[in-house]
Amino acid sequence: MNISYQAFLPYYRGEINKVEVVDVDGRTLWISARHFRPFLTINGIKAYFNMTVDSQGNLISLDKI
């Protein structure tokens, strides 16, 4: 993910609920923005993440790598 602090603020405030991301295989995913809030810094969010999901596709964990 590479998003500036200013661009992420509407997600952080809950004004926008889902973040559209593209994984390394080119798949588009919609993830609740609340999962990314802990990773927001003054520089925004600039990182790769590992995501673990259950068999129904529900997010179990999101880890910054």
N, C-alpha and C. Protein backbone atom coordinates (compact mmCIF):
# COMPACT_ATOMS: atom_id res chain seq x y z
N MET A 1 0.85 -1.16 0.00
CA MET A 1 0.00 0.00 0.00
C MET A 1 0.90 1.23 0.00
N ASN A 2 0.47 2.22 -0.73
CA ASN A 2 1.19 3.49 -0.78
C ASN A 2 0.15 4.60 -0.86
N ILE A 3 -0.17 5.16 0.29
CA ILE A 3 -1.19 6.21 0.35
C ILE A 3 -0.72 7.30 1.32
N SER A 4 -0.91 8.53 0.93
CA SER A 4 -0.47 9.64 1.77
C SER A 4 -1.38 9.79 2.99
N TYR A 5 -0.88 10.51 3.97
CA TYR A 5 -1.63 10.79 5.19
C TYR A 5 -2.95 11.49 4.84
N GLN A 6 -2.87 12.53 4.02
CA GLN A 6 -4.06 13.29 3.64
C GLN A 6 -5.07 12.44 2.88
N ALA A 7 -4.59 11.60 1.99
CA ALA A 7 -5.49 10.76 1.20
C ALA A 7 -6.18 9.70 2.07
N PHE A 8 -5.53 9.27 3.16
CA PHE A 8 -6.12 8.23 4.00
C PHE A 8 -7.06 8.80 5.07
N LEU A 9 -7.01 10.09 5.33
CA LEU A 9 -7.84 10.67 6.40
C LEU A 9 -9.33 10.34 6.29
N PRO A 10 -9.96 10.40 5.13
CA PRO A 10 -11.39 10.03 5.07
C PRO A 10 -11.64 8.58 5.51
N TYR A 11 -10.70 7.69 5.24
CA TYR A 11 -10.81 6.30 5.69
C TYR A 11 -10.64 6.23 7.20
N TYR A 12 -9.65 6.96 7.71
CA TYR A 12 -9.36 6.98 9.14
C TYR A 12 -10.55 7.50 9.94
N ARG A 13 -11.20 8.51 9.42
CA ARG A 13 -12.35 9.12 10.09
C ARG A 13 -13.62 8.29 9.96
N GLY A 14 -13.60 7.27 9.13
CA GLY A 14 -14.79 6.45 8.92
C GLY A 14 -15.73 6.99 7.88
N GLU A 15 -15.31 8.03 7.16
CA GLU A 15 -16.14 8.61 6.10
C GLU A 15 -16.23 7.67 4.90
N ILE A 16 -15.19 6.89 4.70
CA ILE A 16 -15.15 5.86 3.66
C ILE A 16 -14.81 4.55 4.37
N ASN A 17 -15.58 3.51 4.12
CA ASN A 17 -15.43 2.27 4.89
C ASN A 17 -14.46 1.25 4.31
N LYS A 18 -14.35 1.20 3.02
CA LYS A 18 -13.54 0.15 2.39
C LYS A 18 -12.38 0.73 1.59
N VAL A 19 -11.27 0.02 1.63
CA VAL A 19 -10.08 0.38 0.86
C VAL A 19 -9.95 -0.63 -0.28
N GLU A 20 -9.81 -0.12 -1.50
CA GLU A 20 -9.58 -1.00 -2.65
C GLU A 20 -8.08 -1.17 -2.80
N VAL A 21 -7.63 -2.42 -2.77
CA VAL A 21 -6.21 -2.71 -2.95
C VAL A 21 -6.06 -3.76 -4.03
N VAL A 22 -4.90 -3.77 -4.65
CA VAL A 22 -4.57 -4.79 -5.65
C VAL A 22 -3.42 -5.60 -5.10
N ASP A 23 -3.61 -6.91 -5.03
CA ASP A 23 -2.55 -7.76 -4.48
C ASP A 23 -1.46 -8.00 -5.52
N VAL A 24 -0.39 -8.68 -5.11
CA VAL A 24 0.76 -8.88 -6.00
C VAL A 24 0.42 -9.76 -7.20
N ASP A 25 -0.70 -10.49 -7.13
CA ASP A 25 -1.15 -11.31 -8.25
C ASP A 25 -2.13 -10.58 -9.16
N GLY A 26 -2.40 -9.30 -8.85
CA GLY A 26 -3.28 -8.50 -9.67
C GLY A 26 -4.75 -8.56 -9.30
N ARG A 27 -5.08 -9.27 -8.23
CA ARG A 27 -6.49 -9.35 -7.80
C ARG A 27 -6.87 -8.09 -7.04
N THR A 28 -8.08 -7.60 -7.29
CA THR A 28 -8.59 -6.44 -6.58
C THR A 28 -9.36 -6.92 -5.36
N LEU A 29 -9.03 -6.33 -4.22
CA LEU A 29 -9.67 -6.69 -2.95
C LEU A 29 -10.25 -5.44 -2.31
N TRP A 30 -11.36 -5.59 -1.60
CA TRP A 30 -11.96 -4.51 -0.82
C TRP A 30 -11.83 -4.90 0.64
N ILE A 31 -11.08 -4.11 1.40
CA ILE A 31 -10.79 -4.42 2.80
C ILE A 31 -11.28 -3.28 3.67
N SER A 32 -11.90 -3.61 4.79
CA SER A 32 -12.36 -2.57 5.70
C SER A 32 -11.20 -1.67 6.11
N ALA A 33 -11.40 -0.37 5.99
CA ALA A 33 -10.35 0.59 6.30
C ALA A 33 -9.89 0.52 7.74
N ARG A 34 -10.75 0.05 8.63
CA ARG A 34 -10.38 0.00 10.05
C ARG A 34 -9.15 -0.88 10.29
N HIS A 35 -8.93 -1.85 9.42
CA HIS A 35 -7.78 -2.73 9.57
C HIS A 35 -6.46 -2.00 9.30
N PHE A 36 -6.51 -0.92 8.53
CA PHE A 36 -5.29 -0.18 8.19
C PHE A 36 -5.02 0.99 9.13
N ARG A 37 -5.99 1.40 9.90
CA ARG A 37 -5.83 2.57 10.78
C ARG A 37 -4.60 2.48 11.69
N PRO A 38 -4.28 1.32 12.29
CA PRO A 38 -3.11 1.27 13.18
C PRO A 38 -1.78 1.55 12.46
N PHE A 39 -1.77 1.45 11.15
CA PHE A 39 -0.54 1.61 10.39
C PHE A 39 -0.32 3.02 9.85
N LEU A 40 -1.29 3.91 10.08
CA LEU A 40 -1.19 5.28 9.58
C LEU A 40 -0.16 6.08 10.37
N THR A 41 0.76 6.71 9.66
CA THR A 41 1.75 7.61 10.26
C THR A 41 1.63 8.96 9.56
N ILE A 42 2.41 9.91 10.00
CA ILE A 42 2.41 11.24 9.37
C ILE A 42 2.82 11.15 7.90
N ASN A 43 3.53 10.09 7.53
CA ASN A 43 3.93 9.87 6.15
C ASN A 43 2.90 9.06 5.36
N GLY A 44 1.80 8.71 5.98
CA GLY A 44 0.78 7.90 5.33
C GLY A 44 1.01 6.43 5.63
N ILE A 45 0.65 5.58 4.70
CA ILE A 45 0.89 4.14 4.81
C ILE A 45 1.67 3.73 3.58
N LYS A 46 2.89 3.30 3.81
CA LYS A 46 3.76 2.86 2.72
C LYS A 46 4.38 1.54 3.13
N ALA A 47 3.72 0.45 2.75
CA ALA A 47 4.19 -0.87 3.18
C ALA A 47 3.51 -1.96 2.36
N TYR A 48 4.10 -3.12 2.44
CA TYR A 48 3.46 -4.35 1.96
C TYR A 48 2.85 -5.02 3.16
N PHE A 49 1.77 -5.78 2.93
CA PHE A 49 1.08 -6.47 4.01
C PHE A 49 0.87 -7.92 3.65
N ASN A 50 0.89 -8.78 4.67
CA ASN A 50 0.45 -10.17 4.55
C ASN A 50 -0.93 -10.23 5.17
N MET A 51 -1.85 -10.84 4.45
CA MET A 51 -3.21 -10.96 4.92
C MET A 51 -3.56 -12.43 5.05
N THR A 52 -4.19 -12.79 6.17
CA THR A 52 -4.67 -14.15 6.38
C THR A 52 -6.19 -14.10 6.44
N VAL A 53 -6.83 -14.97 5.66
CA VAL A 53 -8.29 -15.04 5.64
C VAL A 53 -8.75 -16.45 5.96
N ASP A 54 -10.00 -16.57 6.43
CA ASP A 54 -10.56 -17.89 6.69
C ASP A 54 -11.18 -18.44 5.41
N SER A 55 -11.80 -19.60 5.49
CA SER A 55 -12.35 -20.26 4.31
C SER A 55 -13.51 -19.50 3.67
N GLN A 56 -14.14 -18.58 4.43
CA GLN A 56 -15.21 -17.76 3.88
C GLN A 56 -14.70 -16.42 3.35
N GLY A 57 -13.39 -16.19 3.45
CA GLY A 57 -12.80 -14.95 2.98
C GLY A 57 -12.79 -13.83 4.00
N ASN A 58 -13.11 -14.14 5.26
CA ASN A 58 -13.08 -13.13 6.32
C ASN A 58 -11.65 -12.91 6.79
N LEU A 59 -11.29 -11.67 7.00
CA LEU A 59 -9.94 -11.32 7.42
C LEU A 59 -9.68 -11.81 8.83
N ILE A 60 -8.58 -12.55 9.00
CA ILE A 60 -8.16 -13.02 10.31
C ILE A 60 -7.05 -12.13 10.84
N SER A 61 -6.08 -11.81 9.97
CA SER A 61 -4.98 -10.93 10.40
C SER A 61 -4.43 -10.16 9.22
N LEU A 62 -3.87 -9.01 9.54
CA LEU A 62 -3.22 -8.15 8.55
C LEU A 62 -1.91 -7.70 9.18
N ASP A 63 -0.80 -8.13 8.62
CA ASP A 63 0.51 -7.85 9.18
C ASP A 63 1.37 -7.10 8.20
N LYS A 64 1.97 -6.01 8.67
CA LYS A 64 2.88 -5.23 7.86
C LYS A 64 4.20 -5.99 7.74
N ILE A 65 4.74 -6.03 6.51
CA ILE A 65 6.02 -6.72 6.32
C ILE A 65 7.08 -5.75 5.82
